[in-house]
Amino acid sequence: FSGDNIDLGAKNRFDYLSEARLLPLTPSSGQLLTTVQR
């Protein structure tokens, strides 16, 4: 993986964790990816 991809992944994870407080957690990885892409 390139440095850019790693940074993007970290940012997406941070964004998801921030939104997790407002959105219900789901067992579907597809739902998680959709949330991150928002």
Protein backbone atom coordinates (compact mmCIF):
# COMPACT_ATOMS: atom_id res chain seq x y z
CA PHE A 1 0.00 0.00 0.00
CA SER A 2 1.12 3.55 -0.66
CA GLY A 3 1.39 6.19 2.04
CA ASP A 4 -1.63 7.99 0.57
CA ASN A 5 -3.81 4.89 0.90
CA ILE A 6 -2.73 4.39 4.50
CA ASP A 7 -3.48 8.03 5.37
CA LEU A 8 -6.88 7.82 3.66
CA GLY A 9 -7.72 4.65 5.54
CA ALA A 10 -6.80 6.26 8.85
CA LYS A 11 -8.91 9.33 8.05
CA ASN A 12 -11.90 7.21 7.02
CA ARG A 13 -11.60 5.18 10.22
CA PHE A 14 -11.47 8.37 12.30
CA ASP A 15 -14.49 9.83 10.47
CA TYR A 16 -16.44 6.60 10.98
CA LEU A 17 -15.62 6.48 14.69
CA SER A 18 -16.74 10.12 15.01
CA GLU A 19 -20.07 9.39 13.29
CA ALA A 20 -20.52 6.10 15.16
CA ARG A 21 -21.87 8.07 18.12
CA LEU A 22 -24.73 9.36 15.96
CA LEU A 23 -25.35 6.24 13.88
CA PRO A 24 -26.34 2.76 15.09
CA LEU A 25 -23.71 0.06 14.67
CA THR A 26 -24.49 -2.69 12.19
CA PRO A 27 -22.88 -6.10 11.60
CA SER A 28 -22.87 -5.46 7.85
CA SER A 29 -19.50 -4.33 6.49
CA GLY A 30 -21.39 -2.91 3.52
CA GLN A 31 -23.25 -0.55 5.83
CA LEU A 32 -19.98 0.52 7.45
CA LEU A 33 -18.40 1.28 4.08
CA THR A 34 -21.46 3.28 3.04
CA THR A 35 -21.21 5.34 6.23
CA VAL A 36 -17.53 6.04 5.66
CA GLN A 37 -18.11 7.15 2.08
CA ARG A 38 -20.71 9.75 3.16
